[in-house]
C-alpha atoms as a PDB file:
ATOM      1  CA  UNK A   1      -5.674  61.126  67.826  1.00  0.00           C
ATOM      2  CA  UNK A   2      -4.437  62.108  64.412  1.00  0.00           C
ATOM      3  CA  UNK A   3      -5.772  61.181  60.996  1.00  0.00           C
ATOM      4  CA  UNK A   4      -3.375  60.974  58.044  1.00  0.00           C
ATOM      5  CA  UNK A   5      -4.643  60.744  54.466  1.00  0.00           C
ATOM      6  CA  UNK A   6      -2.459  58.510  52.278  1.00  0.00           C
ATOM      7  CA  UNK A   7      -2.868  58.593  48.501  1.00  0.00           C
ATOM      8  CA  UNK A   8      -0.232  56.149  47.238  1.00  0.00           C
ATOM      9  CA  UNK A   9       2.221  53.409  48.178  1.00  0.00           C
ATOM     10  CA  UNK A  10       4.943  56.073  48.014  1.00  0.00           C
ATOM     11  CA  UNK A  11       3.136  58.090  50.690  1.00  0.00           C
ATOM     12  CA  UNK A  12       2.714  54.951  52.817  1.00  0.00           C
ATOM     13  CA  UNK A  13       6.482  54.424  52.581  1.00  0.00           C
ATOM     14  CA  UNK A  14       7.168  58.073  53.491  1.00  0.00           C
ATOM     15  CA  UNK A  15       4.790  57.871  56.458  1.00  0.00           C
ATOM     16  CA  UNK A  16       6.513  54.695  57.713  1.00  0.00           C
ATOM     17  CA  UNK A  17       9.902  56.399  57.330  1.00  0.00           C
ATOM     18  CA  UNK A  18       8.707  59.352  59.427  1.00  0.00           C
ATOM     19  CA  UNK A  19       7.452  57.004  62.152  1.00  0.00           C
ATOM     20  CA  UNK A  20      10.797  55.149  62.077  1.00  0.00           C
ATOM     21  CA  UNK A  21      12.639  58.439  62.598  1.00  0.00           C
ATOM     22  CA  UNK A  22      10.632  59.213  65.718  1.00  0.00           C
ATOM     23  CA  UNK A  23      10.489  55.794  67.408  1.00  0.00           C
ATOM     24  CA  UNK A  24      12.354  55.257  70.675  1.00  0.00           C
ATOM     25  CA  UNK A  25      13.858  51.917  71.640  1.00  0.00           C
ATOM     26  CA  UNK A  26      12.041  49.884  72.751  1.00  0.00           C
ATOM     27  CA  UNK A  27       8.756  50.712  71.009  1.00  0.00           C
ATOM     28  CA  UNK A  28       5.407  49.061  70.370  1.00  0.00           C
ATOM     29  CA  UNK A  29       3.137  49.712  67.397  1.00  0.00           C
ATOM     30  CA  UNK A  30      -0.191  47.991  66.842  1.00  0.00           C
ATOM     31  CA  UNK A  31      -1.788  47.844  63.400  1.00  0.00           C
ATOM     32  CA  UNK A  32      -5.510  47.291  62.878  1.00  0.00           C
ATOM     33  CA  UNK A  33      -7.470  47.149  59.652  1.00  0.00           C
ATOM     34  CA  UNK A  34      -9.280  44.843  57.282  1.00  0.00           C
ATOM     35  CA  UNK A  35      -7.482  42.222  55.227  1.00  0.00           C
ATOM     36  CA  UNK A  36      -5.584  44.034  52.489  1.00  0.00           C
ATOM     37  CA  UNK A  37      -5.596  47.375  54.321  1.00  0.00           C
ATOM     38  CA  UNK A  38      -1.807  47.625  54.192  1.00  0.00           C
ATOM     39  CA  UNK A  39      -0.607  46.464  57.600  1.00  0.00           C
ATOM     40  CA  UNK A  40       2.221  44.333  56.229  1.00  0.00           C
ATOM     41  CA  UNK A  41       3.034  46.901  53.527  1.00  0.00           C
ATOM     42  CA  UNK A  42       3.456  49.539  56.236  1.00  0.00           C
ATOM     43  CA  UNK A  43       5.620  47.161  58.307  1.00  0.00           C
ATOM     44  CA  UNK A  44       7.877  46.387  55.328  1.00  0.00           C
ATOM     45  CA  UNK A  45       8.490  50.098  54.782  1.00  0.00           C
ATOM     46  CA  UNK A  46       9.019  50.695  58.491  1.00  0.00           C
ATOM     47  CA  UNK A  47      11.525  47.823  58.685  1.00  0.00           C
ATOM     48  CA  UNK A  48      13.507  49.085  55.704  1.00  0.00           C
ATOM     49  CA  UNK A  49      13.593  52.565  57.248  1.00  0.00           C
ATOM     50  CA  UNK A  50      14.894  50.979  60.483  1.00  0.00           C
ATOM     51  CA  UNK A  51      17.744  49.311  58.596  1.00  0.00           C
ATOM     52  CA  UNK A  52      16.436  45.771  58.153  1.00  0.00           C
ATOM     53  CA  UNK A  53      18.433  44.263  55.287  1.00  0.00           C
ATOM     54  CA  UNK A  54      16.448  41.067  54.645  1.00  0.00           C
ATOM     55  CA  UNK A  55      13.047  40.537  53.103  1.00  0.00           C
ATOM     56  CA  UNK A  56      10.184  41.342  55.445  1.00  0.00           C
ATOM     57  CA  UNK A  57       7.070  39.288  54.840  1.00  0.00           C
ATOM     58  CA  UNK A  58       3.885  38.447  56.670  1.00  0.00           C
ATOM     59  CA  UNK A  59       4.170  36.254  59.763  1.00  0.00           C
ATOM     60  CA  UNK A  60       0.613  34.953  59.285  1.00  0.00           C
ATOM     61  CA  UNK A  61       1.547  31.271  59.624  1.00  0.00           C
ATOM     62  CA  UNK A  62       4.547  31.606  61.938  1.00  0.00           C
ATOM     63  CA  UNK A  63       2.888  34.231  64.199  1.00  0.00           C
ATOM     64  CA  UNK A  64       6.255  35.996  64.803  1.00  0.00           C
ATOM     65  CA  UNK A  65       9.174  36.967  62.574  1.00  0.00           C
ATOM     66  CA  UNK A  66      12.220  38.812  63.868  1.00  0.00           C
ATOM     67  CA  UNK A  67      14.776  40.889  61.988  1.00  0.00           C
ATOM     68  CA  UNK A  68      17.906  42.725  63.065  1.00  0.00           C
ATOM     69  CA  UNK A  69      17.687  46.467  62.516  1.00  0.00           C
ATOM     70  CA  UNK A  70      20.572  48.706  61.493  1.00  0.00           C
ATOM     71  CA  UNK A  71      21.125  49.859  65.085  1.00  0.00           C
ATOM     72  CA  UNK A  72      21.473  46.302  66.436  1.00  0.00           C
ATOM     73  CA  UNK A  73      18.018  46.231  68.037  1.00  0.00           C
ATOM     74  CA  UNK A  74      15.395  43.787  66.785  1.00  0.00           C
ATOM     75  CA  UNK A  75      12.237  44.357  64.773  1.00  0.00           C
ATOM     76  CA  UNK A  76       9.619  41.838  65.862  1.00  0.00           C
ATOM     77  CA  UNK A  77       6.628  41.484  63.542  1.00  0.00           C
ATOM     78  CA  UNK A  78       3.656  39.656  65.066  1.00  0.00           C
ATOM     79  CA  UNK A  79       0.459  38.587  63.326  1.00  0.00           C
ATOM     80  CA  UNK A  80      -2.004  37.817  66.128  1.00  0.00           C
ATOM     81  CA  UNK A  81      -4.881  36.818  63.830  1.00  0.00           C
ATOM     82  CA  UNK A  82      -4.572  33.112  64.677  1.00  0.00           C
ATOM     83  CA  UNK A  83      -4.264  33.813  68.424  1.00  0.00           C
ATOM     84  CA  UNK A  84      -7.915  34.723  68.935  1.00  0.00           C
ATOM     85  CA  UNK A  85      -9.219  33.226  72.170  1.00  0.00           C
ATOM     86  CA  UNK A  86      -5.806  32.275  73.563  1.00  0.00           C
ATOM     87  CA  UNK A  87      -5.456  33.735  77.049  1.00  0.00           C
ATOM     88  CA  UNK A  88      -2.331  32.083  78.471  1.00  0.00           C
ATOM     89  CA  UNK A  89       1.106  33.696  78.292  1.00  0.00           C
ATOM     90  CA  UNK A  90       2.013  33.964  74.638  1.00  0.00           C
ATOM     91  CA  UNK A  91       5.794  34.125  74.865  1.00  0.00           C
ATOM     92  CA  UNK A  92       5.947  37.374  72.909  1.00  0.00           C
ATOM     93  CA  UNK A  93       6.116  39.607  75.957  1.00  0.00           C
ATOM     94  CA  UNK A  94       9.928  39.732  75.868  1.00  0.00           C
ATOM     95  CA  UNK A  95       9.703  41.148  72.333  1.00  0.00           C
ATOM     96  CA  UNK A  96       8.317  44.374  73.776  1.00  0.00           C
ATOM     97  CA  UNK A  97      11.730  45.220  75.273  1.00  0.00           C
ATOM     98  CA  UNK A  98      14.047  44.083  72.478  1.00  0.00           C
ATOM     99  CA  UNK A  99      13.589  46.858  69.940  1.00  0.00           C
ATOM    100  CA  UNK A 100      10.542  47.678  67.859  1.00  0.00           C
ATOM    101  CA  UNK A 101       7.550  45.363  68.021  1.00  0.00           C
ATOM    102  CA  UNK A 102       4.779  45.664  65.421  1.00  0.00           C
ATOM    103  CA  UNK A 103       1.598  43.703  66.089  1.00  0.00           C
ATOM    104  CA  UNK A 104      -1.062  43.125  63.457  1.00  0.00           C
ATOM    105  CA  UNK A 105      -4.572  42.234  64.714  1.00  0.00           C
ATOM    106  CA  UNK A 106      -3.855  43.447  68.274  1.00  0.00           C
ATOM    107  CA  UNK A 107      -7.467  43.023  69.421  1.00  0.00           C
ATOM    108  CA  UNK A 108      -6.889  39.264  69.574  1.00  0.00           C
ATOM    109  CA  UNK A 109      -4.187  39.655  72.242  1.00  0.00           C
ATOM    110  CA  UNK A 110      -5.241  42.916  73.902  1.00  0.00           C
ATOM    111  CA  UNK A 111      -4.875  41.326  77.354  1.00  0.00           C
ATOM    112  CA  UNK A 112      -1.131  40.793  76.748  1.00  0.00           C
ATOM    113  CA  UNK A 113      -0.259  44.256  75.420  1.00  0.00           C
ATOM    114  CA  UNK A 114       1.411  47.023  77.406  1.00  0.00           C
ATOM    115  CA  UNK A 115      -0.743  50.121  77.818  1.00  0.00           C
ATOM    116  CA  UNK A 116       1.878  52.501  76.407  1.00  0.00           C
ATOM    117  CA  UNK A 117       2.021  52.158  72.645  1.00  0.00           C
ATOM    118  CA  UNK A 118       1.239  53.652  69.259  1.00  0.00           C
ATOM    119  CA  UNK A 119      -2.020  52.292  67.825  1.00  0.00           C
ATOM    120  CA  UNK A 120      -2.554  52.709  64.089  1.00  0.00           C
ATOM    121  CA  UNK A 121      -5.805  51.810  62.404  1.00  0.00           C
ATOM    122  CA  UNK A 122      -5.661  51.615  58.609  1.00  0.00           C
ATOM    123  CA  UNK A 123      -8.863  52.160  56.671  1.00  0.00           C
ATOM    124  CA  UNK A 124      -9.140  51.085  53.037  1.00  0.00           C
ATOM    125  CA  UNK A 125      -9.862  53.615  50.354  1.00  0.00           C
ATOM    126  CA  UNK A 126      -9.970  53.526  46.577  1.00  0.00           C
ATOM    127  CA  UNK A 127      -6.906  51.921  44.941  1.00  0.00           C
ATOM    128  CA  UNK A 128      -3.832  52.884  47.024  1.00  0.00           C
ATOM    129  CA  UNK A 129      -5.654  55.464  49.151  1.00  0.00           C
ATOM    130  CA  UNK A 130      -5.760  54.822  52.884  1.00  0.00           C
ATOM    131  CA  UNK A 131      -6.610  56.670  56.062  1.00  0.00           C
ATOM    132  CA  UNK A 132      -4.230  56.094  58.968  1.00  0.00           C
ATOM    133  CA  UNK A 133      -5.805  56.883  62.351  1.00  0.00           C
ATOM    134  CA  UNK A 134      -3.116  57.173  65.006  1.00  0.00           C
ATOM    135  CA  UNK A 135      -3.731  57.001  68.756  1.00  0.00           C
ATOM    136  CA  UNK A 136      -0.993  57.243  71.348  1.00  0.00           C
ATOM    137  CA  UNK A 137      -0.911  56.065  74.934  1.00  0.00           C
ATOM    138  CA  UNK A 138       2.000  57.351  76.989  1.00  0.00           C
ATOM    139  CA  UNK A 139       4.074  60.531  76.786  1.00  0.00           C
ATOM    140  CA  UNK A 140       6.681  59.136  74.386  1.00  0.00           C
ATOM    141  CA  UNK A 141       4.043  58.052  71.891  1.00  0.00           C
ATOM    142  CA  UNK A 142       1.981  61.229  72.359  1.00  0.00           C
ATOM    143  CA  UNK A 143       5.098  63.196  71.356  1.00  0.00           C
ATOM    144  CA  UNK A 144       5.402  61.112  68.177  1.00  0.00           C
ATOM    145  CA  UNK A 145       1.809  61.907  67.220  1.00  0.00           C
ATOM    146  CA  UNK A 146       2.398  65.618  67.849  1.00  0.00           C
ATOM    147  CA  UNK A 147       5.356  65.569  65.447  1.00  0.00           C
ATOM    148  CA  UNK A 148       3.453  63.922  62.601  1.00  0.00           C
ATOM    149  CA  UNK A 149       2.091  66.168  59.844  1.00  0.00           C
END
């Protein structure tokens, strides 16, 4: 586990860029935190760092939005908030192998998630301050956490 103190939107962007540098393909990131914690803001910065050219916005109502990254892989952005209580196959499982998959509100679909992943919890602070708590499961993700400052 690693805890990163973030003091501004610029630092959030820089943190997302560092994560993007280190991510393998395919990769899975889960994002937890209260409403307004910065999950989508982080994902927008991550996507831009991965070469997504289009506008990245919240998939709250569509559940899943997909974008082509600069390397030809896909960035899949999932908002699982509205999936609470659904236990059947969700149809997002193939996204885990197609590039980088970012899942907001992962607790609602924990049963469908691979064990190996990078879990990031974002805690609100004052103004733009945040605390990012990063947990890794699996050697690849543990290496990412080791390389973070």
